[in-house]
Amino acid sequence: MDIDKVFKALADPGRRRLLDLLHRDNGQTLTALCEHMDMTRQAVTQHLQQLEGANLVAVIWQGREKLHYLNPVPLHEIHERWIAKFERSRLDALRNLKKKLEGDDNEKT
């Protein structure tokens, strides 16, 4: 996975909007996606190509229709690599604080 492509794709609000649309209703055509976007069909196509290049969108042809599907795997990998490790220490600190404030089980009567 090229993580730089994923971050670049996520940097644009229009592309994030497309991902939100696919999350809400996966497997949409270009026409269906364009109905909810405030940009030209050509601009939506370019954004989708960048999302495909970052492996955030997968395309499946169904007859003559090209359906776009959200691929959450790169987002999960970003979460695991960049977000979860920062959350872990905070959650541990909150858990330890809770234990201190409530006291150990052995001290409760």
Protein backbone atom coordinates (compact mmCIF):
# COMPACT_ATOMS: atom_id res chain seq x y z
CA MET A 1 0.00 0.00 0.00
CA ASP A 2 1.32 3.44 -0.92
CA ILE A 3 0.31 5.39 2.18
CA ASP A 4 1.26 8.73 0.59
CA LYS A 5 -1.41 8.20 -2.08
CA VAL A 6 -3.98 7.46 0.61
CA PHE A 7 -3.15 10.60 2.59
CA LYS A 8 -3.16 12.69 -0.60
CA ALA A 9 -6.55 11.26 -1.58
CA LEU A 10 -7.96 11.98 1.87
CA ALA A 11 -6.64 15.56 1.83
CA ASP A 12 -9.38 16.76 -0.52
CA PRO A 13 -12.88 17.45 0.88
CA GLY A 14 -14.52 16.40 -2.40
CA ARG A 15 -12.89 13.00 -2.28
CA ARG A 16 -13.83 12.59 1.38
CA ARG A 17 -17.41 13.43 0.38
CA LEU A 18 -17.31 10.69 -2.28
CA LEU A 19 -16.08 8.20 0.33
CA ASP A 20 -18.93 9.28 2.63
CA LEU A 21 -21.44 8.73 -0.18
CA LEU A 22 -20.05 5.26 -0.86
CA HIS A 23 -20.07 4.45 2.84
CA ARG A 24 -23.75 5.40 3.01
CA ASP A 25 -24.68 3.52 -0.18
CA ASN A 26 -21.93 1.30 -1.56
CA GLY A 27 -21.80 0.28 -5.22
CA GLN A 28 -22.88 3.47 -6.98
CA THR A 29 -22.48 4.54 -10.59
CA LEU A 30 -20.77 7.75 -11.63
CA THR A 31 -24.17 9.24 -12.49
CA ALA A 32 -25.55 8.47 -9.03
CA LEU A 33 -22.49 9.95 -7.33
CA CYS A 34 -22.61 13.09 -9.48
CA GLU A 35 -26.16 13.80 -8.27
CA HIS A 36 -24.81 14.50 -4.78
CA MET A 37 -21.69 16.42 -5.76
CA ASP A 38 -21.37 20.12 -6.46
CA MET A 39 -18.92 19.69 -9.35
CA THR A 40 -18.80 18.61 -12.97
CA ARG A 41 -18.96 14.99 -14.03
CA GLN A 42 -15.39 15.25 -15.27
CA ALA A 43 -14.21 16.50 -11.84
CA VAL A 44 -16.01 13.64 -10.07
CA THR A 45 -14.37 11.20 -12.50
CA GLN A 46 -10.93 12.61 -11.72
CA HIS A 47 -11.55 12.38 -7.98
CA LEU A 48 -12.71 8.78 -8.33
CA GLN A 49 -9.58 7.94 -10.33
CA GLN A 50 -7.42 9.32 -7.54
CA LEU A 51 -9.39 7.31 -4.97
CA GLU A 52 -8.94 4.20 -7.13
CA GLY A 53 -5.22 4.92 -7.38
CA ALA A 54 -5.04 5.04 -3.59
CA ASN A 55 -6.99 1.76 -3.41
CA LEU A 56 -9.79 3.47 -1.48
CA VAL A 57 -12.33 2.71 -4.20
CA ALA A 58 -12.74 -0.54 -6.10
CA VAL A 59 -14.56 -0.76 -9.42
CA ILE A 60 -16.72 -3.64 -10.58
CA TRP A 61 -18.31 -3.73 -13.99
CA GLN A 62 -21.88 -5.01 -14.00
CA GLY A 63 -22.86 -5.26 -17.63
CA ARG A 64 -22.37 -1.77 -19.02
CA GLU A 65 -22.42 -0.11 -15.60
CA LYS A 66 -19.29 0.71 -13.68
CA LEU A 67 -20.02 0.44 -9.96
CA HIS A 68 -17.80 2.08 -7.36
CA TYR A 69 -17.28 0.45 -3.98
CA LEU A 70 -15.55 1.73 -0.87
CA ASN A 71 -12.47 -0.26 0.12
CA PRO A 72 -11.96 0.37 3.86
CA VAL A 73 -8.72 -1.63 4.14
CA PRO A 74 -6.33 1.33 3.57
CA LEU A 75 -8.28 3.36 6.15
CA HIS A 76 -7.98 0.53 8.64
CA GLU A 77 -4.25 0.29 8.00
CA ILE A 78 -3.88 4.04 8.62
CA HIS A 79 -5.85 3.67 11.82
CA GLU A 80 -3.65 0.82 13.01
CA ARG A 81 -0.41 2.53 12.02
CA TRP A 82 -1.08 6.17 12.87
CA ILE A 83 -4.06 6.48 15.22
CA ALA A 84 -4.36 3.40 17.42
CA LYS A 85 -0.87 3.69 18.85
CA PHE A 86 -1.58 7.23 20.02
CA GLU A 87 -4.94 6.27 21.52
CA ARG A 88 -3.51 3.32 23.41
CA SER A 89 -1.46 5.35 25.90
CA ARG A 90 -4.34 7.75 26.58
CA LEU A 91 -6.75 4.91 27.19
CA ASP A 92 -4.25 3.20 29.49
CA ALA A 93 -3.81 6.47 31.41
CA LEU A 94 -7.58 6.87 31.79
CA ARG A 95 -7.91 3.26 32.97
CA ASN A 96 -5.12 3.73 35.53
CA LEU A 97 -6.68 6.99 36.74
CA LYS A 98 -10.05 5.27 37.14
CA LYS A 99 -8.43 2.49 39.18
CA LYS A 100 -6.69 5.03 41.42
CA LEU A 101 -9.84 7.07 41.96
CA GLU A 102 -11.99 4.03 42.66
CA GLY A 103 -9.31 2.28 44.70
CA ASP A 104 -8.14 -1.30 44.30
CA ASP A 105 -10.65 -4.14 44.71
CA ASN A 106 -8.73 -5.28 47.82
CA GLU A 107 -9.22 -1.90 49.53
CA LYS A 108 -13.01 -1.79 49.06
CA THR A 109 -15.13 -2.95 51.97
